[in-house]
Protein backbone atom coordinates (compact mmCIF):
# COMPACT_ATOMS: atom_id res chain seq x y z
CA MET A 1 15.74 34.43 33.27
CA SER A 2 18.22 36.69 31.54
CA LEU A 3 17.67 40.34 30.68
CA TYR A 4 19.71 42.20 28.13
CA ALA A 5 19.92 45.95 28.00
CA GLN A 6 19.83 47.23 24.51
CA GLY A 7 22.45 49.90 24.01
CA THR A 8 21.09 53.04 22.46
CA LYS A 9 23.39 55.44 20.74
CA PHE A 10 22.51 59.13 20.76
CA LYS A 11 22.07 60.40 17.22
CA ASP A 12 23.25 63.95 16.69
CA ASN A 13 20.78 65.66 14.38
CA TYR A 14 22.67 68.98 14.24
CA THR A 15 24.00 68.19 10.80
CA TYR A 16 23.45 71.31 8.69
CA GLN A 17 26.27 73.81 9.14
CA VAL A 18 25.01 77.40 8.99
CA ARG A 19 28.05 79.37 10.18
CA GLU A 20 31.76 78.82 10.76
CA GLU A 21 34.33 81.33 11.95
CA ARG A 22 38.02 80.95 12.77
CA GLY A 23 40.28 83.12 14.87
CA ASP A 24 42.31 83.15 18.05
CA LEU A 25 39.96 83.19 21.02
CA ASN A 26 42.30 82.25 23.86
CA ASN A 27 45.38 84.28 22.86
CA ASP A 28 47.61 81.26 22.21
CA GLY A 29 48.47 82.29 18.65
CA LYS A 30 46.54 79.36 17.14
CA LEU A 31 43.28 79.38 15.19
CA ASP A 32 40.21 78.33 17.12
CA LYS A 33 36.86 77.59 15.49
CA ILE A 34 33.20 78.27 16.15
CA THR A 35 30.34 76.58 14.32
CA VAL A 36 26.59 77.00 14.24
CA LYS A 37 24.65 73.94 13.12
CA MET A 38 20.94 73.35 12.63
CA ASP A 39 18.89 70.29 13.49
CA LEU A 40 16.89 69.58 10.32
CA VAL A 41 14.93 66.71 11.92
CA ASP A 42 13.28 68.81 14.66
CA ASP A 43 10.39 70.91 13.27
CA THR A 44 11.45 73.94 15.35
CA ARG A 45 14.87 73.98 13.57
CA PRO A 46 16.97 74.50 16.72
CA LEU A 47 20.54 75.72 16.40
CA ARG A 48 23.68 74.77 18.28
CA LEU A 49 26.76 76.91 18.84
CA GLN A 50 30.02 75.05 19.41
CA ILE A 51 33.40 76.54 20.25
CA PHE A 52 36.54 74.51 19.56
CA LEU A 53 39.86 75.62 21.04
CA SER A 54 43.21 74.68 19.53
CA GLN A 55 45.54 72.51 21.60
CA PRO A 56 49.38 72.49 21.67
CA ASN A 57 49.32 69.44 19.37
CA GLY A 58 47.37 71.46 16.77
CA LYS A 59 44.08 69.61 17.22
CA LEU A 60 40.81 71.31 18.08
CA THR A 61 38.83 70.22 21.13
CA LEU A 62 35.26 71.11 22.00
CA ASP A 63 35.17 73.71 24.78
CA VAL A 64 31.55 74.95 24.70
CA SER A 65 28.34 73.61 23.21
CA SER A 66 25.04 75.46 23.62
CA THR A 67 21.56 75.09 22.17
CA LYS A 68 20.15 77.89 24.37
CA ILE A 69 22.00 80.91 22.98
CA ILE A 70 20.21 80.99 19.58
CA GLU A 71 16.43 80.97 19.19
CA PRO A 72 15.04 78.13 17.04
CA GLN A 73 13.86 79.25 13.60
CA TYR A 74 10.30 78.01 14.27
CA PRO A 75 9.84 78.30 18.06
CA ILE A 76 7.10 76.25 19.71
CA GLU A 77 5.45 79.42 21.04
CA ASN A 78 5.00 80.62 17.40
CA GLN A 79 2.91 77.52 16.54
CA GLY A 80 5.13 76.55 13.63
CA LYS A 81 5.68 80.06 12.25
CA PHE A 82 9.11 81.51 11.43
CA ASN A 83 10.57 83.70 14.20
CA GLY A 84 11.28 86.48 11.68
CA TYR A 85 14.99 86.86 12.44
CA GLN A 86 18.19 85.91 10.67
CA ILE A 87 20.44 83.34 12.26
CA PRO A 88 23.01 85.32 14.30
CA TYR A 89 26.43 86.07 12.84
CA PHE A 90 29.60 85.39 14.79
CA PHE A 91 32.89 87.28 14.46
CA ILE A 92 36.25 86.93 16.17
CA GLU A 93 38.04 90.25 16.58
CA ARG A 94 41.16 90.73 18.72
CA GLY A 95 40.35 87.64 20.79
CA ILE A 96 36.72 88.68 21.39
CA LEU A 97 33.85 86.50 20.16
CA LYS A 98 31.05 88.76 18.93
CA MET A 99 27.51 87.58 18.24
CA TRP A 100 25.34 89.93 16.14
CA SER A 101 21.59 89.25 16.28
CA GLU A 102 18.46 90.85 14.98
CA ILE A 103 15.91 91.79 17.62
CA LYS A 104 12.52 93.49 17.48
CA GLY A 105 13.13 96.98 16.08
CA GLY A 106 16.90 96.68 15.80
CA ASN A 107 19.94 94.56 16.54
CA ILE A 108 22.21 93.58 19.40
CA THR A 109 25.88 92.56 19.55
CA TYR A 110 27.23 90.53 22.45
CA HIS A 111 30.98 90.50 23.18
CA PHE A 112 32.39 87.40 24.92
CA LYS A 113 35.98 87.14 26.17
CA TYR A 114 37.80 83.97 27.16
CA ASN A 115 38.81 84.27 30.82
CA ASN A 116 39.84 81.55 33.28
CA GLY A 117 38.44 78.76 31.11
CA ASN A 118 35.10 80.49 30.37
CA PHE A 119 33.69 82.79 27.73
CA GLU A 120 32.26 85.69 29.72
CA LEU A 121 29.91 88.40 28.47
CA ILE A 122 31.86 91.65 28.80
CA TYR A 123 30.06 94.13 26.53
CA VAL A 124 26.71 94.65 24.80
CA ASN A 125 25.81 97.09 21.99
CA LYS A 126 22.13 97.41 21.17
CA ILE A 127 20.38 99.67 18.66
CA THR A 128 16.60 99.92 18.53
CA ASN A 129 14.11 102.29 16.94
CA ASP A 130 10.50 103.26 17.49
CA ALA A 131 9.51 103.05 13.81
CA THR A 132 5.90 102.08 13.24
CA ASN A 133 5.04 99.50 10.60
CA GLY A 134 8.77 99.04 9.95
CA TYR A 135 9.17 102.40 8.19
CA ILE A 136 11.96 104.71 9.28
CA ASP A 137 11.35 108.40 8.65
CA GLU A 138 12.74 111.75 9.84
CA ASN A 139 10.85 111.42 13.15
CA THR A 140 12.11 107.95 14.03
CA ILE A 141 13.91 107.82 17.36
CA PHE A 142 16.89 105.49 17.63
CA THR A 143 18.16 104.29 20.99
CA ALA A 144 21.77 103.13 21.24
CA THR A 145 22.66 101.18 24.37
CA ASN A 146 26.30 100.53 25.27
CA PHE A 147 26.73 98.33 28.33
CA ASP A 148 30.22 97.57 29.66
CA LEU A 149 29.57 94.67 32.02
CA VAL A 150 33.14 94.76 33.38
CA THR A 151 32.77 98.32 34.72
CA GLY A 152 28.98 98.20 35.06
CA VAL A 153 28.50 101.42 33.05
CA ARG A 154 25.34 101.37 30.91
CA ILE A 155 24.69 104.34 28.61
CA GLU A 156 21.51 104.80 26.56
CA THR A 157 21.40 107.55 23.95
CA ASP A 158 18.24 108.63 22.10
CA GLU A 159 18.60 110.37 18.73
CA ILE A 160 16.23 111.39 15.96
CA SER A 161 17.05 109.94 12.56
CA GLY A 162 19.66 112.16 10.85
CA SER A 163 20.25 114.37 13.91
CA VAL A 164 23.74 115.19 15.13
CA LYS A 165 22.76 116.11 18.69
CA PRO A 166 21.26 113.44 20.98
CA LEU A 167 17.80 114.01 22.43
CA LYS A 168 18.58 112.33 25.71
CA VAL A 169 21.47 110.46 27.34
CA ARG A 170 20.92 108.18 30.32
CA LYS A 171 23.85 106.74 32.25
CA LYS A 172 23.68 104.33 35.15
CA ILE A 173 25.75 101.72 36.91
CA VAL A 174 24.46 98.13 36.73
CA LEU A 175 26.78 95.55 38.27
CA ILE A 176 26.25 91.94 37.20
CA ARG A 177 28.43 89.49 39.10
CA PRO A 178 29.61 86.98 38.19
CA LEU A 179 29.75 87.89 34.51
CA PRO A 180 27.37 85.74 32.44
CA LYS A 181 29.02 82.73 30.79
CA ILE A 182 28.25 81.83 27.19
CA GLN A 183 27.17 78.28 28.08
CA ASP A 184 24.51 79.67 30.47
CA PHE A 185 23.36 82.44 28.12
CA LYS A 186 19.84 82.16 26.63
CA PHE A 187 18.51 84.03 23.59
CA SER A 188 15.75 85.45 25.81
CA ASP A 189 18.42 87.16 27.97
CA GLN A 190 18.47 90.04 25.46
CA GLU A 191 15.76 91.67 27.56
CA LEU A 192 18.30 92.02 30.41
CA TYR A 193 20.59 94.27 28.42
């Protein structure tokens, strides 16, 4: 009796490109590339971030691929309903990869820096407000959080809409070691920062 194993080839369903950004991420003077692609076959519409680094021969090679960093458009826990947020934007500025995302009541920007073969989270800016029903008025309180993960300094500042002087400033040291790596980062991690 002979048995034959049928070879199955993995089909990549992340075919719809949503974002692309180019810039120098590893300070080698060559353009690197990041892409965000959506899986149109899966009902949850998951997204995949990929980072391609340039090589001395000029070709790009895949360095990081993650499906955890961006929330699917129709998460399972929403029973088929839209998550309500835009797909994050990515920017490359002075060798730093920045990811800007909407969150409940505001937005958050993550800063990742290439270090020793990894993209490490080094800084987080978050702005939230306490507006009710989505309406911002003269009594709305905004909270700006600036968290430098390298030094561990986390500063939260509360301000009333239109005010020049802050209501309250809170500063504390929060050391996170080792620094989070982009391939391990999950969209739900926003609650940590």
